[in-house]
Structure formats: structure tokens, C-alpha cells
């Protein structure tokens, strides 16, 4: 097993996806209203055409890809930290949603996904279980 140098632990580059691009984690808030589940995901600097969203099997999957900008030799870089990256996040949903009515909006680096809940009535009555 190869050891990772200490300074490299603070750099994203040591985590690679299968394609060899940086794999980055998406930060997410997932909450509910009376009628909807809502996910707000932080995805700065990504063009909306490079974001894929899938809802199904009680889960939400988001993938995004940031294209690397071509390095321009005449700029005389001292540091080049803006890079390509691949983002992916899959989370389980606490209840069923209507996939066909799910909507997404992307504004100022925040992706908001609104998923209407199904109208299934759940038995919310609590019962006491005796331990034998």
C-alpha cells in the first residue's frame, strides 16, 4: 500500500474518478413541506446543460461535469487551480414522490429540485411495543 504525502491530503487531486477527473462531493439540504420534498444543492460554476438529475426508486441522483478551460499560454499563470471536475451525489428519499411532476431550477450556483409527494395516506398512529 502506497502512503499519501501529508500535504497531498489537503488537495482534491488525489481523489480521482474512473475517467481520471477530479471527483467532488455535492453539498445538499433536503427538507419537506406539507406537499413536497425539496433539495437544494450547491453546484457553482457549472453550466446547467452539464447537470443530470434522476428521480426514481426512492432516490435522487445528481451528476454534474465541469469542463476544463483551455490554458492560454500568453496569460503567464502563477497558479492554475480552476479545473475540470465531476460531481455526483445519490441520496435516499424519505417518502415517495411524483417523478413526472418534479421540477428543477438553477440560479446563482444553487440547484433547487422540487418533488411533489404522493398522496398516499400513511398510518401515522404510534403504538407502544412491549418487550418480552
Protein backbone atom coordinates (compact mmCIF):
# COMPACT_ATOMS: atom_id res chain seq x y z
CA UNK A 1 0.00 0.00 0.00
CA UNK A 2 1.39 3.40 -1.02
CA UNK A 3 1.38 6.19 1.53
CA UNK A 4 -0.05 9.58 0.61
CA UNK A 5 2.23 12.53 1.45
CA UNK A 6 0.75 14.73 4.20
CA UNK A 7 0.43 17.88 2.08
CA UNK A 8 -1.46 15.91 -0.57
CA UNK A 9 -4.28 15.16 1.91
CA UNK A 10 -5.35 18.79 1.56
CA UNK A 11 -5.59 18.69 -2.23
CA UNK A 12 -8.60 17.42 -4.18
CA UNK A 13 -6.46 15.90 -6.91
CA UNK A 14 -5.64 12.67 -5.08
CA UNK A 15 -9.29 11.60 -5.38
CA UNK A 16 -9.89 10.51 -8.95
CA UNK A 17 -12.93 9.09 -10.72
CA UNK A 18 -12.71 6.25 -13.21
CA UNK A 19 -12.36 8.76 -16.04
CA UNK A 20 -9.40 10.39 -14.30
CA UNK A 21 -11.18 13.64 -13.47
CA UNK A 22 -11.43 15.14 -10.00
CA UNK A 23 -14.40 13.67 -8.14
CA UNK A 24 -16.10 16.25 -5.96
CA UNK A 25 -18.92 15.89 -3.45
CA UNK A 26 -22.07 17.98 -3.68
CA UNK A 27 -23.34 19.71 -0.55
CA UNK A 28 -27.10 19.38 -0.16
CA UNK A 29 -30.03 20.45 2.00
CA UNK A 30 -33.03 18.11 1.80
CA UNK A 31 -36.24 19.18 3.53
CA UNK A 32 -40.00 18.85 3.26
CA UNK A 33 -43.10 20.97 3.20
CA UNK A 34 -46.61 19.61 3.58
CA UNK A 35 -46.82 18.73 -0.13
CA UNK A 36 -43.22 18.49 -1.38
CA UNK A 37 -39.69 17.27 -0.79
CA UNK A 38 -37.14 19.93 -1.71
CA UNK A 39 -33.43 19.51 -2.36
CA UNK A 40 -31.08 22.47 -2.64
CA UNK A 41 -27.64 21.59 -3.96
CA UNK A 42 -24.58 23.81 -4.21
CA UNK A 43 -23.03 23.46 -7.70
CA UNK A 44 -21.09 26.65 -8.51
CA UNK A 45 -19.58 27.32 -11.93
CA UNK A 46 -21.41 24.58 -13.82
CA UNK A 47 -23.44 25.17 -16.98
CA UNK A 48 -26.99 23.82 -16.47
CA UNK A 49 -26.68 21.72 -19.66
CA UNK A 50 -23.95 19.71 -17.87
CA UNK A 51 -26.20 18.71 -14.94
CA UNK A 52 -28.16 15.44 -14.96
CA UNK A 53 -30.93 14.69 -12.47
CA UNK A 54 -32.76 11.39 -11.98
CA UNK A 55 -35.56 10.64 -9.54
CA UNK A 56 -36.72 7.06 -9.02
CA UNK A 57 -36.69 4.05 -6.71
CA UNK A 58 -37.00 6.39 -3.70
CA UNK A 59 -33.72 8.11 -4.54
CA UNK A 60 -32.40 11.32 -6.07
CA UNK A 61 -29.26 11.22 -8.23
CA UNK A 62 -27.41 14.33 -9.37
CA UNK A 63 -24.36 14.32 -11.65
CA UNK A 64 -22.56 17.37 -12.99
CA UNK A 65 -19.46 17.88 -15.07
CA UNK A 66 -17.30 20.99 -15.17
CA UNK A 67 -15.35 21.33 -18.39
CA UNK A 68 -11.73 22.39 -18.09
CA UNK A 69 -10.90 25.72 -19.66
CA UNK A 70 -8.08 25.65 -22.16
CA UNK A 71 -4.89 27.07 -20.72
CA UNK A 72 -3.83 30.19 -22.55
CA UNK A 73 -0.03 30.38 -22.71
CA UNK A 74 0.03 34.16 -23.07
CA UNK A 75 -1.62 34.68 -19.66
CA UNK A 76 1.56 33.76 -17.74
CA UNK A 77 -0.06 31.71 -14.96
CA UNK A 78 1.49 31.67 -11.48
CA UNK A 79 -1.19 29.24 -10.23
CA UNK A 80 -3.86 27.35 -12.13
CA UNK A 81 -6.43 25.99 -9.67
CA UNK A 82 -9.63 26.24 -11.70
CA UNK A 83 -10.00 22.76 -13.11
CA UNK A 84 -12.41 20.29 -14.59
CA UNK A 85 -14.37 18.16 -12.22
CA UNK A 86 -17.03 15.54 -11.89
CA UNK A 87 -19.71 15.84 -9.20
CA UNK A 88 -22.04 13.07 -8.11
CA UNK A 89 -24.49 12.58 -5.26
CA UNK A 90 -27.15 9.95 -4.64
CA UNK A 91 -29.47 10.20 -1.65
CA UNK A 92 -32.41 8.14 -0.49
CA UNK A 93 -35.73 9.96 -0.27
CA UNK A 94 -37.78 9.60 2.94
CA UNK A 95 -41.00 9.05 1.01
CA UNK A 96 -42.34 8.50 -2.49
CA UNK A 97 -42.58 11.41 -4.89
CA UNK A 98 -44.31 12.00 -8.22
CA UNK A 99 -41.36 11.73 -10.63
CA UNK A 100 -43.22 13.17 -13.61
CA UNK A 101 -44.04 16.40 -11.77
CA UNK A 102 -40.54 17.02 -10.39
CA UNK A 103 -39.10 20.42 -11.34
CA UNK A 104 -35.59 21.87 -11.12
CA UNK A 105 -34.30 25.44 -11.14
CA UNK A 106 -30.65 26.54 -11.26
CA UNK A 107 -29.82 30.05 -10.06
CA UNK A 108 -26.58 31.57 -8.75
CA UNK A 109 -24.87 28.19 -8.33
CA UNK A 110 -27.77 26.61 -6.40
CA UNK A 111 -29.78 23.78 -7.96
CA UNK A 112 -33.26 23.54 -6.41
CA UNK A 113 -35.27 20.38 -7.05
CA UNK A 114 -38.95 20.34 -6.04
CA UNK A 115 -40.50 16.85 -5.85
CA UNK A 116 -44.26 16.64 -5.13
CA UNK A 117 -45.12 13.94 -2.58
CA UNK A 118 -47.53 11.18 -3.50
CA UNK A 119 -50.90 11.43 -1.82
CA UNK A 120 -50.65 8.04 -0.15
CA UNK A 121 -52.04 8.20 3.34
CA UNK A 122 -49.61 6.69 5.77
CA UNK A 123 -50.58 5.29 9.10
CA UNK A 124 -49.00 7.84 11.43
CA UNK A 125 -50.51 6.35 14.58
CA UNK A 126 -47.85 5.35 17.04
CA UNK A 127 -48.17 2.14 19.00
CA UNK A 128 -46.33 1.03 22.10
CA UNK A 129 -44.40 -2.22 21.68
CA UNK A 130 -43.97 -4.39 24.74
CA UNK A 131 -40.61 -6.04 25.21
CA UNK A 132 -40.71 -9.65 26.41
